[in-house]
């Protein structure tokens, strides 16, 4: 089943008289359950493409579909609802709330969705176990290593049971061992849950885990192939 479809998408940024073409007519389809990496040098358009799929930006031209819905036709509030209900995000700098424990950070999207207390507790503990952090349930982010913080971020992204997870440079601030652990966990969760994962990265550690590698240069897809 197709979960993402990009139709002839362009994105231009204009500062004064200078216009930059971040995307130049991109076409792409991604199926449910894929583990896909967007790769390319800085300025290639990979992060812009990820933002289009995540309803964080809109194309200058073309259309973006997520779960069969044309998100380019949605207003700001409707795009926010789409993100809340269907898309989880994993960021380079973790983006955890510093005053909250690991448990509370993971619980936050469930609170925002109005989920009952008992259901929240069951889901948070299930995810803490999945990312091997049950022994850190009450620790705040400053009491966790970088790898542990990213694992909390992964659990938080998965908490509302999204169909799609988007990760922008998820290992960029981690050492080799923590990066490997984070990727192992995400790969296992992809297999166990069937959630689609899409990464934007230039990190060879991430690329080696991908089942599909989409390479961008100068706003265009230049190769799209299964990883070797």
C-alpha atoms as a PDB file:
ATOM      1  CA  UNK A   1       0.000   0.000   0.000  1.00  0.00           C
ATOM      2  CA  UNK A   2       1.284   3.453  -0.925  1.00  0.00           C
ATOM      3  CA  UNK A   3       1.742   5.726   2.086  1.00  0.00           C
ATOM      4  CA  UNK A   4       3.589   8.661   0.455  1.00  0.00           C
ATOM      5  CA  UNK A   5       3.246   9.991  -3.079  1.00  0.00           C
ATOM      6  CA  UNK A   6       5.104  13.014  -4.437  1.00  0.00           C
ATOM      7  CA  UNK A   7       3.922  14.437  -7.765  1.00  0.00           C
ATOM      8  CA  UNK A   8       6.204  16.855  -9.651  1.00  0.00           C
ATOM      9  CA  UNK A   9       7.073  18.818  -6.515  1.00  0.00           C
ATOM     10  CA  UNK A  10       9.161  21.957  -6.712  1.00  0.00           C
ATOM     11  CA  UNK A  11      10.196  24.235  -3.866  1.00  0.00           C
ATOM     12  CA  UNK A  12      11.733  27.651  -4.384  1.00  0.00           C
ATOM     13  CA  UNK A  13      12.970  29.957  -1.634  1.00  0.00           C
ATOM     14  CA  UNK A  14      13.272  33.662  -2.426  1.00  0.00           C
ATOM     15  CA  UNK A  15      15.370  36.098  -0.409  1.00  0.00           C
ATOM     16  CA  UNK A  16      15.255  39.525  -1.984  1.00  0.00           C
ATOM     17  CA  UNK A  17      16.009  39.053  -5.663  1.00  0.00           C
ATOM     18  CA  UNK A  18      17.819  35.762  -5.103  1.00  0.00           C
ATOM     19  CA  UNK A  19      15.802  32.575  -5.694  1.00  0.00           C
ATOM     20  CA  UNK A  20      17.029  29.119  -4.681  1.00  0.00           C
ATOM     21  CA  UNK A  21      15.479  25.953  -6.118  1.00  0.00           C
ATOM     22  CA  UNK A  22      15.533  23.378  -3.309  1.00  0.00           C
ATOM     23  CA  UNK A  23      13.428  20.831  -5.238  1.00  0.00           C
ATOM     24  CA  UNK A  24      13.096  20.703  -9.019  1.00  0.00           C
ATOM     25  CA  UNK A  25      10.168  18.506 -10.041  1.00  0.00           C
ATOM     26  CA  UNK A  26      10.468  15.482  -7.752  1.00  0.00           C
ATOM     27  CA  UNK A  27       8.317  12.366  -8.239  1.00  0.00           C
ATOM     28  CA  UNK A  28       8.383   9.590  -5.643  1.00  0.00           C
ATOM     29  CA  UNK A  29       6.203   6.858  -4.123  1.00  0.00           C
ATOM     30  CA  UNK A  30       6.889   5.077  -0.817  1.00  0.00           C
ATOM     31  CA  UNK A  31       4.993   2.003   0.305  1.00  0.00           C
ATOM     32  CA  UNK A  32       3.744   1.066   3.756  1.00  0.00           C
ATOM     33  CA  UNK A  33       6.403  -0.508   5.963  1.00  0.00           C
ATOM     34  CA  UNK A  34       9.423   0.705   3.983  1.00  0.00           C
ATOM     35  CA  UNK A  35      12.713   1.627   5.674  1.00  0.00           C
ATOM     36  CA  UNK A  36      14.004   4.323   3.316  1.00  0.00           C
ATOM     37  CA  UNK A  37      16.927   6.729   3.444  1.00  0.00           C
ATOM     38  CA  UNK A  38      17.122  10.076   1.616  1.00  0.00           C
ATOM     39  CA  UNK A  39      20.798  10.819   1.027  1.00  0.00           C
ATOM     40  CA  UNK A  40      22.825  13.539  -0.608  1.00  0.00           C
ATOM     41  CA  UNK A  41      25.184  16.414   0.185  1.00  0.00           C
ATOM     42  CA  UNK A  42      24.153  19.544   2.030  1.00  0.00           C
ATOM     43  CA  UNK A  43      21.783  21.537  -0.179  1.00  0.00           C
ATOM     44  CA  UNK A  44      20.667  18.508  -2.181  1.00  0.00           C
ATOM     45  CA  UNK A  45      17.028  18.869  -1.093  1.00  0.00           C
ATOM     46  CA  UNK A  46      16.718  15.813   1.174  1.00  0.00           C
ATOM     47  CA  UNK A  47      15.610  17.733   4.275  1.00  0.00           C
ATOM     48  CA  UNK A  48      13.224  19.877   2.232  1.00  0.00           C
ATOM     49  CA  UNK A  49      11.636  16.740   0.814  1.00  0.00           C
ATOM     50  CA  UNK A  50      11.285  15.294   4.314  1.00  0.00           C
ATOM     51  CA  UNK A  51       9.594  18.508   5.453  1.00  0.00           C
ATOM     52  CA  UNK A  52       7.122  18.291   2.567  1.00  0.00           C
ATOM     53  CA  UNK A  53       6.133  14.769   3.573  1.00  0.00           C
ATOM     54  CA  UNK A  54       5.880  15.854   7.215  1.00  0.00           C
ATOM     55  CA  UNK A  55       3.486  18.721   6.406  1.00  0.00           C
ATOM     56  CA  UNK A  56       6.044  21.178   7.815  1.00  0.00           C
ATOM     57  CA  UNK A  57       6.419  22.999   4.498  1.00  0.00           C
ATOM     58  CA  UNK A  58       4.430  23.280   1.285  1.00  0.00           C
ATOM     59  CA  UNK A  59       5.646  23.001  -2.302  1.00  0.00           C
ATOM     60  CA  UNK A  60       5.815  25.916  -4.683  1.00  0.00           C
ATOM     61  CA  UNK A  61       4.195  23.584  -7.230  1.00  0.00           C
ATOM     62  CA  UNK A  62       3.142  19.957  -7.334  1.00  0.00           C
ATOM     63  CA  UNK A  63       1.267  17.764  -4.866  1.00  0.00           C
ATOM     64  CA  UNK A  64       2.103  15.666  -1.813  1.00  0.00           C
ATOM     65  CA  UNK A  65      -0.097  12.781  -0.647  1.00  0.00           C
ATOM     66  CA  UNK A  66       0.168  11.105   2.765  1.00  0.00           C
ATOM     67  CA  UNK A  67      -2.076   8.131   3.515  1.00  0.00           C
ATOM     68  CA  UNK A  68      -3.961   8.923   0.313  1.00  0.00           C
ATOM     69  CA  UNK A  69      -4.768  12.503   1.331  1.00  0.00           C
ATOM     70  CA  UNK A  70      -3.561  15.505  -0.668  1.00  0.00           C
ATOM     71  CA  UNK A  71      -1.852  17.431   2.135  1.00  0.00           C
ATOM     72  CA  UNK A  72      -1.049  20.366  -0.146  1.00  0.00           C
ATOM     73  CA  UNK A  73      -4.773  21.184  -0.160  1.00  0.00           C
ATOM     74  CA  UNK A  74      -5.014  21.353   3.645  1.00  0.00           C
ATOM     75  CA  UNK A  75      -4.996  24.524   5.738  1.00  0.00           C
ATOM     76  CA  UNK A  76      -2.595  25.042   8.641  1.00  0.00           C
ATOM     77  CA  UNK A  77      -4.850  23.476  11.271  1.00  0.00           C
ATOM     78  CA  UNK A  78      -5.617  20.496   9.052  1.00  0.00           C
ATOM     79  CA  UNK A  79      -1.899  19.932   8.442  1.00  0.00           C
ATOM     80  CA  UNK A  80      -1.315  20.053  12.209  1.00  0.00           C
ATOM     81  CA  UNK A  81      -4.013  17.402  12.655  1.00  0.00           C
ATOM     82  CA  UNK A  82      -2.372  15.272   9.964  1.00  0.00           C
ATOM     83  CA  UNK A  83       0.959  15.451  11.794  1.00  0.00           C
ATOM     84  CA  UNK A  84      -0.598  14.686  15.165  1.00  0.00           C
ATOM     85  CA  UNK A  85      -2.617  11.713  13.935  1.00  0.00           C
ATOM     86  CA  UNK A  86      -0.355  10.127  11.324  1.00  0.00           C
ATOM     87  CA  UNK A  87       3.291  11.233  11.563  1.00  0.00           C
ATOM     88  CA  UNK A  88       5.995  10.838  14.206  1.00  0.00           C
ATOM     89  CA  UNK A  89       9.191  12.903  14.151  1.00  0.00           C
ATOM     90  CA  UNK A  90      12.728  12.099  15.323  1.00  0.00           C
ATOM     91  CA  UNK A  91      15.116  15.058  15.375  1.00  0.00           C
ATOM     92  CA  UNK A  92      18.886  15.432  15.322  1.00  0.00           C
ATOM     93  CA  UNK A  93      18.917  17.243  18.685  1.00  0.00           C
ATOM     94  CA  UNK A  94      16.344  14.929  20.358  1.00  0.00           C
ATOM     95  CA  UNK A  95      13.914  17.810  21.207  1.00  0.00           C
ATOM     96  CA  UNK A  96      12.925  16.367  24.572  1.00  0.00           C
ATOM     97  CA  UNK A  97      11.300  18.578  27.226  1.00  0.00           C
ATOM     98  CA  UNK A  98      14.136  19.054  29.763  1.00  0.00           C
ATOM     99  CA  UNK A  99      11.954  19.287  32.876  1.00  0.00           C
ATOM    100  CA  UNK A 100      10.071  16.048  32.158  1.00  0.00           C
ATOM    101  CA  UNK A 101      11.152  12.476  32.852  1.00  0.00           C
ATOM    102  CA  UNK A 102      11.593   9.868  30.130  1.00  0.00           C
ATOM    103  CA  UNK A 103       8.128   8.545  31.015  1.00  0.00           C
ATOM    104  CA  UNK A 104       6.538  12.002  30.835  1.00  0.00           C
ATOM    105  CA  UNK A 105       8.206  12.892  27.525  1.00  0.00           C
ATOM    106  CA  UNK A 106       6.810   9.740  25.925  1.00  0.00           C
ATOM    107  CA  UNK A 107       3.409  10.317  27.525  1.00  0.00           C
ATOM    108  CA  UNK A 108       3.090  13.892  26.219  1.00  0.00           C
ATOM    109  CA  UNK A 109       1.600  13.162  22.746  1.00  0.00           C
ATOM    110  CA  UNK A 110      -0.887  10.762  24.357  1.00  0.00           C
ATOM    111  CA  UNK A 111      -1.983  13.497  26.761  1.00  0.00           C
ATOM    112  CA  UNK A 112      -2.434  15.882  23.841  1.00  0.00           C
ATOM    113  CA  UNK A 113      -4.582  13.262  22.096  1.00  0.00           C
ATOM    114  CA  UNK A 114      -6.779  12.878  25.174  1.00  0.00           C
ATOM    115  CA  UNK A 115      -5.973   9.215  25.774  1.00  0.00           C
ATOM    116  CA  UNK A 116      -7.190   7.700  29.048  1.00  0.00           C
ATOM    117  CA  UNK A 117      -4.708   7.435  31.937  1.00  0.00           C
ATOM    118  CA  UNK A 118      -4.615   3.640  32.053  1.00  0.00           C
ATOM    119  CA  UNK A 119      -4.063   3.357  28.309  1.00  0.00           C
ATOM    120  CA  UNK A 120      -1.306   5.971  28.485  1.00  0.00           C
ATOM    121  CA  UNK A 121       0.531   4.081  31.205  1.00  0.00           C
ATOM    122  CA  UNK A 122       0.347   0.776  29.347  1.00  0.00           C
ATOM    123  CA  UNK A 123       1.580   2.352  26.119  1.00  0.00           C
ATOM    124  CA  UNK A 124       4.462   4.282  27.723  1.00  0.00           C
ATOM    125  CA  UNK A 125       5.733   1.241  29.618  1.00  0.00           C
ATOM    126  CA  UNK A 126       5.421  -0.895  26.482  1.00  0.00           C
ATOM    127  CA  UNK A 127       7.582   1.579  24.553  1.00  0.00           C
ATOM    128  CA  UNK A 128      10.131   2.020  27.341  1.00  0.00           C
ATOM    129  CA  UNK A 129      10.591  -1.740  27.266  1.00  0.00           C
ATOM    130  CA  UNK A 130      10.866  -1.714  23.460  1.00  0.00           C
ATOM    131  CA  UNK A 131      13.725   0.817  23.575  1.00  0.00           C
ATOM    132  CA  UNK A 132      15.337  -0.883  26.605  1.00  0.00           C
ATOM    133  CA  UNK A 133      14.876   2.032  29.027  1.00  0.00           C
ATOM    134  CA  UNK A 134      12.559   0.685  31.730  1.00  0.00           C
ATOM    135  CA  UNK A 135      15.343   1.346  34.244  1.00  0.00           C
ATOM    136  CA  UNK A 136      15.406   5.037  33.238  1.00  0.00           C
ATOM    137  CA  UNK A 137      11.688   5.710  33.540  1.00  0.00           C
ATOM    138  CA  UNK A 138      12.085   8.635  35.997  1.00  0.00           C
ATOM    139  CA  UNK A 139      15.271  10.143  34.561  1.00  0.00           C
ATOM    140  CA  UNK A 140      15.195  13.604  33.002  1.00  0.00           C
ATOM    141  CA  UNK A 141      17.050  14.213  29.714  1.00  0.00           C
ATOM    142  CA  UNK A 142      20.088  15.686  31.495  1.00  0.00           C
ATOM    143  CA  UNK A 143      20.399  12.388  33.377  1.00  0.00           C
ATOM    144  CA  UNK A 144      20.520  10.358  30.146  1.00  0.00           C
ATOM    145  CA  UNK A 145      23.241   9.802  27.572  1.00  0.00           C
ATOM    146  CA  UNK A 146      22.755  11.074  24.012  1.00  0.00           C
ATOM    147  CA  UNK A 147      21.854   7.591  22.824  1.00  0.00           C
ATOM    148  CA  UNK A 148      19.335   7.150  25.632  1.00  0.00           C
ATOM    149  CA  UNK A 149      17.777  10.535  24.833  1.00  0.00           C
ATOM    150  CA  UNK A 150      17.352   9.536  21.197  1.00  0.00           C
ATOM    151  CA  UNK A 151      15.741   6.263  22.256  1.00  0.00           C
ATOM    152  CA  UNK A 152      13.244   8.242  24.367  1.00  0.00           C
ATOM    153  CA  UNK A 153      12.602  10.402  21.292  1.00  0.00           C
ATOM    154  CA  UNK A 154      11.945   7.275  19.209  1.00  0.00           C
ATOM    155  CA  UNK A 155       9.482   5.977  21.803  1.00  0.00           C
ATOM    156  CA  UNK A 156       7.737   9.360  21.910  1.00  0.00           C
ATOM    157  CA  UNK A 157       7.426   9.402  18.113  1.00  0.00           C
ATOM    158  CA  UNK A 158       5.816   5.958  18.170  1.00  0.00           C
ATOM    159  CA  UNK A 159       3.526   6.609  21.148  1.00  0.00           C
ATOM    160  CA  UNK A 160       0.383   7.694  19.240  1.00  0.00           C
ATOM    161  CA  UNK A 161       0.774   4.768  16.793  1.00  0.00           C
ATOM    162  CA  UNK A 162       1.548   6.804  13.640  1.00  0.00           C
ATOM    163  CA  UNK A 163       1.713   5.177  10.233  1.00  0.00           C
ATOM    164  CA  UNK A 164       4.870   7.125   9.307  1.00  0.00           C
ATOM    165  CA  UNK A 165       8.069   8.110  11.149  1.00  0.00           C
ATOM    166  CA  UNK A 166      10.333  10.832   9.720  1.00  0.00           C
ATOM    167  CA  UNK A 167      13.885  11.170  11.037  1.00  0.00           C
ATOM    168  CA  UNK A 168      16.232  14.039  10.162  1.00  0.00           C
ATOM    169  CA  UNK A 169      19.883  13.086  10.776  1.00  0.00           C
ATOM    170  CA  UNK A 170      18.935  10.826  13.733  1.00  0.00           C
ATOM    171  CA  UNK A 171      22.523   9.756  14.517  1.00  0.00           C
ATOM    172  CA  UNK A 172      24.382  12.996  13.782  1.00  0.00           C
ATOM    173  CA  UNK A 173      24.980  13.790  17.466  1.00  0.00           C
ATOM    174  CA  UNK A 174      25.777  10.239  18.551  1.00  0.00           C
ATOM    175  CA  UNK A 175      29.024   8.303  18.713  1.00  0.00           C
ATOM    176  CA  UNK A 176      29.415   5.124  16.681  1.00  0.00           C
ATOM    177  CA  UNK A 177      28.174   2.702  19.348  1.00  0.00           C
ATOM    178  CA  UNK A 178      25.138   4.792  20.330  1.00  0.00           C
ATOM    179  CA  UNK A 179      24.349   5.366  16.671  1.00  0.00           C
ATOM    180  CA  UNK A 180      24.403   1.622  16.052  1.00  0.00           C
ATOM    181  CA  UNK A 181      22.130   0.943  19.016  1.00  0.00           C
ATOM    182  CA  UNK A 182      19.635   3.581  17.886  1.00  0.00           C
ATOM    183  CA  UNK A 183      19.542   2.188  14.348  1.00  0.00           C
ATOM    184  CA  UNK A 184      19.173  -1.385  15.609  1.00  0.00           C
ATOM    185  CA  UNK A 185      16.181  -0.336  17.698  1.00  0.00           C
ATOM    186  CA  UNK A 186      14.536   1.571  14.858  1.00  0.00           C
ATOM    187  CA  UNK A 187      15.058  -1.303  12.444  1.00  0.00           C
ATOM    188  CA  UNK A 188      13.518  -3.754  14.913  1.00  0.00           C
ATOM    189  CA  UNK A 189      10.541  -1.464  15.557  1.00  0.00           C
ATOM    190  CA  UNK A 190      10.023  -1.109  11.811  1.00  0.00           C
ATOM    191  CA  UNK A 191       9.870  -4.890  11.469  1.00  0.00           C
ATOM    192  CA  UNK A 192       7.766  -5.459  14.584  1.00  0.00           C
ATOM    193  CA  UNK A 193       5.195  -2.693  14.025  1.00  0.00           C
ATOM    194  CA  UNK A 194       5.117  -2.225  10.242  1.00  0.00           C
ATOM    195  CA  UNK A 195       5.487   1.546  10.648  1.00  0.00           C
ATOM    196  CA  UNK A 196       7.127   3.263   7.664  1.00  0.00           C
ATOM    197  CA  UNK A 197      10.466   4.959   8.446  1.00  0.00           C
ATOM    198  CA  UNK A 198      12.023   7.639   6.211  1.00  0.00           C
ATOM    199  CA  UNK A 199      15.406   9.233   7.031  1.00  0.00           C
ATOM    200  CA  UNK A 200      17.277  12.229   5.715  1.00  0.00           C
ATOM    201  CA  UNK A 201      20.978  11.628   6.263  1.00  0.00           C
ATOM    202  CA  UNK A 202      24.518  11.708   4.965  1.00  0.00           C
ATOM    203  CA  UNK A 203      25.646   9.244   7.664  1.00  0.00           C
ATOM    204  CA  UNK A 204      26.907   5.957   6.220  1.00  0.00           C
ATOM    205  CA  UNK A 205      25.775   4.193   9.413  1.00  0.00           C
ATOM    206  CA  UNK A 206      22.168   5.081   8.648  1.00  0.00           C
ATOM    207  CA  UNK A 207      22.459   4.381   4.926  1.00  0.00           C
ATOM    208  CA  UNK A 208      23.753   0.863   5.611  1.00  0.00           C
ATOM    209  CA  UNK A 209      20.540   0.025   7.491  1.00  0.00           C
ATOM    210  CA  UNK A 210      18.194   1.274   4.753  1.00  0.00           C
ATOM    211  CA  UNK A 211      16.294  -1.126   2.521  1.00  0.00           C
ATOM    212  CA  UNK A 212      15.891   1.599  -0.079  1.00  0.00           C
ATOM    213  CA  UNK A 213      18.222   4.529  -0.789  1.00  0.00           C
ATOM    214  CA  UNK A 214      16.968   7.631  -2.608  1.00  0.00           C
ATOM    215  CA  UNK A 215      19.841   9.920  -3.614  1.00  0.00           C
ATOM    216  CA  UNK A 216      19.257  13.615  -4.305  1.00  0.00           C
ATOM    217  CA  UNK A 217      21.509  16.182  -5.947  1.00  0.00           C
ATOM    218  CA  UNK A 218      20.610  19.804  -6.659  1.00  0.00           C
ATOM    219  CA  UNK A 219      16.939  19.212  -5.897  1.00  0.00           C
ATOM    220  CA  UNK A 220      16.539  16.165  -8.135  1.00  0.00           C
ATOM    221  CA  UNK A 221      16.406  12.433  -7.483  1.00  0.00           C
ATOM    222  CA  UNK A 222      19.404  10.965  -9.301  1.00  0.00           C
ATOM    223  CA  UNK A 223      19.164   7.344  -8.083  1.00  0.00           C
ATOM    224  CA  UNK A 224      16.494   5.293  -6.334  1.00  0.00           C
ATOM    225  CA  UNK A 225      17.422   1.745  -5.496  1.00  0.00           C
ATOM    226  CA  UNK A 226      17.330  -1.027  -2.949  1.00  0.00           C
ATOM    227  CA  UNK A 227      20.331  -0.924  -0.643  1.00  0.00           C
ATOM    228  CA  UNK A 228      23.066  -3.467  -1.363  1.00  0.00           C
END
